[in-house]
Amino acid sequence: MLSPEAKRRIYEATRRQFETQIEKRLQTRRARQRRLGCLSILFLLIGLIISLTGSRKAK
């Protein structure tokens, strides 16, 4: 049977591993969301520029 000290060590090690995994997952998700946000803003700007130049040519 394992001693309480050994059990505590194992528990803390697994918890630390679990926490780092979750943290990594959150970081990748945040990065992905940031990238998507930047892309959508870029496309909005491009669309605005195209619509502005198009309306100028029509006049």
PDB file of N, CA and C in Angstrom:
ATOM      1  N   MET A   1       0.841  -1.201   0.000  1.00  0.00           N
ATOM      2  CA  MET A   1       0.000   0.000   0.000  1.00  0.00           C
ATOM      3  C   MET A   1       0.882   1.259   0.000  1.00  0.00           C
ATOM      4  N   LEU A   2       0.440   2.280  -0.686  1.00  0.00           N
ATOM      5  CA  LEU A   2       1.217   3.515  -0.765  1.00  0.00           C
ATOM      6  C   LEU A   2       1.033   4.358   0.499  1.00  0.00           C
ATOM      7  N   SER A   3       2.100   5.056   0.847  1.00  0.00           N
ATOM      8  CA  SER A   3       2.024   5.939   2.016  1.00  0.00           C
ATOM      9  C   SER A   3       1.246   7.204   1.632  1.00  0.00           C
ATOM     10  N   PRO A   4       0.686   7.894   2.641  1.00  0.00           N
ATOM     11  CA  PRO A   4      -0.056   9.135   2.338  1.00  0.00           C
ATOM     12  C   PRO A   4       0.804  10.153   1.589  1.00  0.00           C
ATOM     13  N   GLU A   5       2.103  10.214   1.923  1.00  0.00           N
ATOM     14  CA  GLU A   5       3.023  11.141   1.264  1.00  0.00           C
ATOM     15  C   GLU A   5       3.147  10.815  -0.233  1.00  0.00           C
ATOM     16  N   ALA A   6       3.303   9.520  -0.536  1.00  0.00           N
ATOM     17  CA  ALA A   6       3.420   9.098  -1.932  1.00  0.00           C
ATOM     18  C   ALA A   6       2.135   9.391  -2.686  1.00  0.00           C
ATOM     19  N   LYS A   7       1.001   9.119  -2.057  1.00  0.00           N
ATOM     20  CA  LYS A   7      -0.296   9.395  -2.687  1.00  0.00           C
ATOM     21  C   LYS A   7      -0.423  10.879  -3.011  1.00  0.00           C
ATOM     22  N   ARG A   8      -0.027  11.713  -2.053  1.00  0.00           N
ATOM     23  CA  ARG A   8      -0.121  13.165  -2.238  1.00  0.00           C
ATOM     24  C   ARG A   8       0.763  13.605  -3.405  1.00  0.00           C
ATOM     25  N   ARG A   9       1.979  13.056  -3.471  1.00  0.00           N
ATOM     26  CA  ARG A   9       2.897  13.409  -4.554  1.00  0.00           C
ATOM     27  C   ARG A   9       2.318  13.036  -5.916  1.00  0.00           C
ATOM     28  N   ILE A  10       1.787  11.822  -5.997  1.00  0.00           N
ATOM     29  CA  ILE A  10       1.199  11.351  -7.261  1.00  0.00           C
ATOM     30  C   ILE A  10       0.022  12.249  -7.651  1.00  0.00           C
ATOM     31  N   TYR A  11      -0.821  12.552  -6.669  1.00  0.00           N
ATOM     32  CA  TYR A  11      -1.999  13.388  -6.913  1.00  0.00           C
ATOM     33  C   TYR A  11      -1.584  14.754  -7.442  1.00  0.00           C
ATOM     34  N   GLU A  12      -0.579  15.366  -6.787  1.00  0.00           N
ATOM     35  CA  GLU A  12      -0.143  16.706  -7.203  1.00  0.00           C
ATOM     36  C   GLU A  12       0.481  16.686  -8.598  1.00  0.00           C
ATOM     37  N   ALA A  13       1.248  15.644  -8.895  1.00  0.00           N
ATOM     38  CA  ALA A  13       1.885  15.545 -10.213  1.00  0.00           C
ATOM     39  C   ALA A  13       0.828  15.428 -11.316  1.00  0.00           C
ATOM     40  N   THR A  14      -0.160  14.554 -11.091  1.00  0.00           N
ATOM     41  CA  THR A  14      -1.199  14.377 -12.116  1.00  0.00           C
ATOM     42  C   THR A  14      -2.020  15.653 -12.260  1.00  0.00           C
ATOM     43  N   ARG A  15      -2.287  16.324 -11.135  1.00  0.00           N
ATOM     44  CA  ARG A  15      -3.071  17.560 -11.203  1.00  0.00           C
ATOM     45  C   ARG A  15      -2.324  18.626 -11.988  1.00  0.00           C
ATOM     46  N   ARG A  16      -1.006  18.728 -11.726  1.00  0.00           N
ATOM     47  CA  ARG A  16      -0.194  19.719 -12.430  1.00  0.00           C
ATOM     48  C   ARG A  16      -0.197  19.446 -13.936  1.00  0.00           C
ATOM     49  N   GLN A  17      -0.051  18.170 -14.305  1.00  0.00           N
ATOM     50  CA  GLN A  17      -0.071  17.777 -15.718  1.00  0.00           C
ATOM     51  C   GLN A  17      -1.401  18.176 -16.363  1.00  0.00           C
ATOM     52  N   PHE A  18      -2.488  17.870 -15.653  1.00  0.00           N
ATOM     53  CA  PHE A  18      -3.829  18.161 -16.139  1.00  0.00           C
ATOM     54  C   PHE A  18      -4.005  19.664 -16.344  1.00  0.00           C
ATOM     55  N   GLU A  19      -3.531  20.453 -15.360  1.00  0.00           N
ATOM     56  CA  GLU A  19      -3.657  21.906 -15.454  1.00  0.00           C
ATOM     57  C   GLU A  19      -2.887  22.467 -16.646  1.00  0.00           C
ATOM     58  N   THR A  20      -1.673  21.953 -16.866  1.00  0.00           N
ATOM     59  CA  THR A  20      -0.893  22.456 -18.001  1.00  0.00           C
ATOM     60  C   THR A  20      -1.563  22.092 -19.323  1.00  0.00           C
ATOM     61  N   GLN A  21      -2.138  20.884 -19.397  1.00  0.00           N
ATOM     62  CA  GLN A  21      -2.851  20.483 -20.618  1.00  0.00           C
ATOM     63  C   GLN A  21      -4.011  21.432 -20.903  1.00  0.00           C
ATOM     64  N   ILE A  22      -4.806  21.719 -19.867  1.00  0.00           N
ATOM     65  CA  ILE A  22      -5.959  22.611 -20.025  1.00  0.00           C
ATOM     66  C   ILE A  22      -5.485  23.994 -20.451  1.00  0.00           C
ATOM     67  N   GLU A  23      -4.421  24.473 -19.805  1.00  0.00           N
ATOM     68  CA  GLU A  23      -3.887  25.794 -20.131  1.00  0.00           C
ATOM     69  C   GLU A  23      -3.451  25.859 -21.596  1.00  0.00           C
ATOM     70  N   LYS A  24      -2.766  24.818 -22.082  1.00  0.00           N
ATOM     71  CA  LYS A  24      -2.326  24.779 -23.479  1.00  0.00           C
ATOM     72  C   LYS A  24      -3.526  24.830 -24.412  1.00  0.00           C
ATOM     73  N   ARG A  25      -4.554  24.038 -24.087  1.00  0.00           N
ATOM     74  CA  ARG A  25      -5.751  23.995 -24.917  1.00  0.00           C
ATOM     75  C   ARG A  25      -6.401  25.372 -24.981  1.00  0.00           C
ATOM     76  N   LEU A  26      -6.491  26.048 -23.830  1.00  0.00           N
ATOM     77  CA  LEU A  26      -7.088  27.383 -23.787  1.00  0.00           C
ATOM     78  C   LEU A  26      -6.267  28.363 -24.618  1.00  0.00           C
ATOM     79  N   GLN A  27      -4.935  28.284 -24.517  1.00  0.00           N
ATOM     80  CA  GLN A  27      -4.079  29.195 -25.284  1.00  0.00           C
ATOM     81  C   GLN A  27      -4.281  29.014 -26.776  1.00  0.00           C
ATOM     82  N   THR A  28      -4.354  27.758 -27.243  1.00  0.00           N
ATOM     83  CA  THR A  28      -4.540  27.537 -28.678  1.00  0.00           C
ATOM     84  C   THR A  28      -5.903  28.056 -29.119  1.00  0.00           C
ATOM     85  N   ARG A  29      -6.928  27.862 -28.266  1.00  0.00           N
ATOM     86  CA  ARG A  29      -8.258  28.345 -28.614  1.00  0.00           C
ATOM     87  C   ARG A  29      -8.256  29.868 -28.712  1.00  0.00           C
ATOM     88  N   ARG A  30      -7.608  30.528 -27.731  1.00  0.00           N
ATOM     89  CA  ARG A  30      -7.538  31.992 -27.757  1.00  0.00           C
ATOM     90  C   ARG A  30      -6.820  32.482 -29.006  1.00  0.00           C
ATOM     91  N   ALA A  31      -5.716  31.821 -29.343  1.00  0.00           N
ATOM     92  CA  ALA A  31      -4.946  32.217 -30.523  1.00  0.00           C
ATOM     93  C   ALA A  31      -5.795  32.075 -31.780  1.00  0.00           C
ATOM     94  N   ARG A  32      -6.542  30.970 -31.867  1.00  0.00           N
ATOM     95  CA  ARG A  32      -7.383  30.725 -33.033  1.00  0.00           C
ATOM     96  C   ARG A  32      -8.458  31.817 -33.138  1.00  0.00           C
ATOM     97  N   GLN A  33      -9.083  32.150 -31.997  1.00  0.00           N
ATOM     98  CA  GLN A  33     -10.128  33.183 -32.012  1.00  0.00           C
ATOM     99  C   GLN A  33      -9.556  34.526 -32.443  1.00  0.00           C
ATOM    100  N   ARG A  34      -8.335  34.841 -31.941  1.00  0.00           N
ATOM    101  CA  ARG A  34      -7.702  36.104 -32.302  1.00  0.00           C
ATOM    102  C   ARG A  34      -7.446  36.150 -33.799  1.00  0.00           C
ATOM    103  N   ARG A  35      -6.952  35.021 -34.346  1.00  0.00           N
ATOM    104  CA  ARG A  35      -6.654  34.944 -35.776  1.00  0.00           C
ATOM    105  C   ARG A  35      -7.936  35.148 -36.585  1.00  0.00           C
ATOM    106  N   LEU A  36      -9.015  34.503 -36.155  1.00  0.00           N
ATOM    107  CA  LEU A  36     -10.287  34.637 -36.862  1.00  0.00           C
ATOM    108  C   LEU A  36     -10.768  36.082 -36.827  1.00  0.00           C
ATOM    109  N   GLY A  37     -10.616  36.727 -35.685  1.00  0.00           N
ATOM    110  CA  GLY A  37     -11.018  38.126 -35.550  1.00  0.00           C
ATOM    111  C   GLY A  37     -10.253  39.012 -36.516  1.00  0.00           C
ATOM    112  N   CYS A  38      -8.941  38.824 -36.586  1.00  0.00           N
ATOM    113  CA  CYS A  38      -8.097  39.622 -37.493  1.00  0.00           C
ATOM    114  C   CYS A  38      -8.522  39.411 -38.945  1.00  0.00           C
ATOM    115  N   LEU A  39      -8.776  38.139 -39.294  1.00  0.00           N
ATOM    116  CA  LEU A  39      -9.178  37.831 -40.666  1.00  0.00           C
ATOM    117  C   LEU A  39     -10.495  38.503 -41.021  1.00  0.00           C
ATOM    118  N   SER A  40     -11.473  38.430 -40.116  1.00  0.00           N
ATOM    119  CA  SER A  40     -12.778  39.023 -40.408  1.00  0.00           C
ATOM    120  C   SER A  40     -12.661  40.535 -40.577  1.00  0.00           C
ATOM    121  N   ILE A  41     -11.821  41.173 -39.741  1.00  0.00           N
ATOM    122  CA  ILE A  41     -11.621  42.623 -39.868  1.00  0.00           C
ATOM    123  C   ILE A  41     -10.982  42.948 -41.217  1.00  0.00           C
ATOM    124  N   LEU A  42      -9.998  42.128 -41.613  1.00  0.00           N
ATOM    125  CA  LEU A  42      -9.330  42.331 -42.905  1.00  0.00           C
ATOM    126  C   LEU A  42     -10.336  42.260 -44.048  1.00  0.00           C
ATOM    127  N   PHE A  43     -11.164  41.212 -44.019  1.00  0.00           N
ATOM    128  CA  PHE A  43     -12.146  41.046 -45.085  1.00  0.00           C
ATOM    129  C   PHE A  43     -13.155  42.192 -45.111  1.00  0.00           C
ATOM    130  N   LEU A  44     -13.550  42.673 -43.929  1.00  0.00           N
ATOM    131  CA  LEU A  44     -14.462  43.819 -43.875  1.00  0.00           C
ATOM    132  C   LEU A  44     -13.826  45.044 -44.526  1.00  0.00           C
ATOM    133  N   LEU A  45     -12.565  45.289 -44.213  1.00  0.00           N
ATOM    134  CA  LEU A  45     -11.867  46.439 -44.795  1.00  0.00           C
ATOM    135  C   LEU A  45     -11.760  46.303 -46.299  1.00  0.00           C
ATOM    136  N   ILE A  46     -11.406  45.121 -46.777  1.00  0.00           N
ATOM    137  CA  ILE A  46     -11.288  44.890 -48.216  1.00  0.00           C
ATOM    138  C   ILE A  46     -12.641  45.122 -48.895  1.00  0.00           C
ATOM    139  N   GLY A  47     -13.690  44.606 -48.285  1.00  0.00           N
ATOM    140  CA  GLY A  47     -15.033  44.801 -48.830  1.00  0.00           C
ATOM    141  C   GLY A  47     -15.409  46.273 -48.902  1.00  0.00           C
ATOM    142  N   LEU A  48     -15.076  47.027 -47.860  1.00  0.00           N
ATOM    143  CA  LEU A  48     -15.357  48.466 -47.834  1.00  0.00           C
ATOM    144  C   LEU A  48     -14.624  49.185 -48.954  1.00  0.00           C
ATOM    145  N   ILE A  49     -13.345  48.869 -49.110  1.00  0.00           N
ATOM    146  CA  ILE A  49     -12.531  49.519 -50.149  1.00  0.00           C
ATOM    147  C   ILE A  49     -13.103  49.215 -51.526  1.00  0.00           C
ATOM    148  N   ILE A  50     -13.454  47.947 -51.756  1.00  0.00           N
ATOM    149  CA  ILE A  50     -14.003  47.548 -53.056  1.00  0.00           C
ATOM    150  C   ILE A  50     -15.315  48.286 -53.328  1.00  0.00           C
ATOM    151  N   SER A  51     -16.185  48.342 -52.306  1.00  0.00           N
ATOM    152  CA  SER A  51     -17.479  48.998 -52.503  1.00  0.00           C
ATOM    153  C   SER A  51     -17.296  50.495 -52.747  1.00  0.00           C
ATOM    154  N   LEU A  52     -16.326  51.113 -52.060  1.00  0.00           N
ATOM    155  CA  LEU A  52     -16.076  52.552 -52.252  1.00  0.00           C
ATOM    156  C   LEU A  52     -15.545  52.830 -53.652  1.00  0.00           C
ATOM    157  N   THR A  53     -14.581  52.040 -54.116  1.00  0.00           N
ATOM    158  CA  THR A  53     -14.024  52.259 -55.447  1.00  0.00           C
ATOM    159  C   THR A  53     -15.084  51.966 -56.511  1.00  0.00           C
ATOM    160  N   GLY A  54     -15.915  50.957 -56.262  1.00  0.00           N
ATOM    161  CA  GLY A  54     -16.978  50.618 -57.208  1.00  0.00           C
ATOM    162  C   GLY A  54     -17.987  51.742 -57.343  1.00  0.00           C
ATOM    163  N   SER A  55     -18.345  52.366 -56.210  1.00  0.00           N
ATOM    164  CA  SER A  55     -19.330  53.451 -56.256  1.00  0.00           C
ATOM    165  C   SER A  55     -18.737  54.680 -56.936  1.00  0.00           C
ATOM    166  N   ARG A  56     -17.424  54.882 -56.808  1.00  0.00           N
ATOM    167  CA  ARG A  56     -16.777  56.010 -57.468  1.00  0.00           C
ATOM    168  C   ARG A  56     -16.786  55.831 -58.981  1.00  0.00           C
ATOM    169  N   LYS A  57     -16.505  54.589 -59.413  1.00  0.00           N
ATOM    170  CA  LYS A  57     -16.471  54.316 -60.853  1.00  0.00           C
ATOM    171  C   LYS A  57     -17.853  54.454 -61.476  1.00  0.00           C
ATOM    172  N   ALA A  58     -18.904  54.133 -60.724  1.00  0.00           N
ATOM    173  CA  ALA A  58     -20.266  54.176 -61.257  1.00  0.00           C
ATOM    174  C   ALA A  58     -20.719  55.606 -61.527  1.00  0.00           C
ATOM    175  N   LYS A  59     -20.167  56.567 -60.764  1.00  0.00           N
ATOM    176  CA  LYS A  59     -20.603  57.972 -60.926  1.00  0.00           C
ATOM    177  C   LYS A  59     -20.197  58.593 -62.259  1.00  0.00           C
TER     178      LYS A  59
END
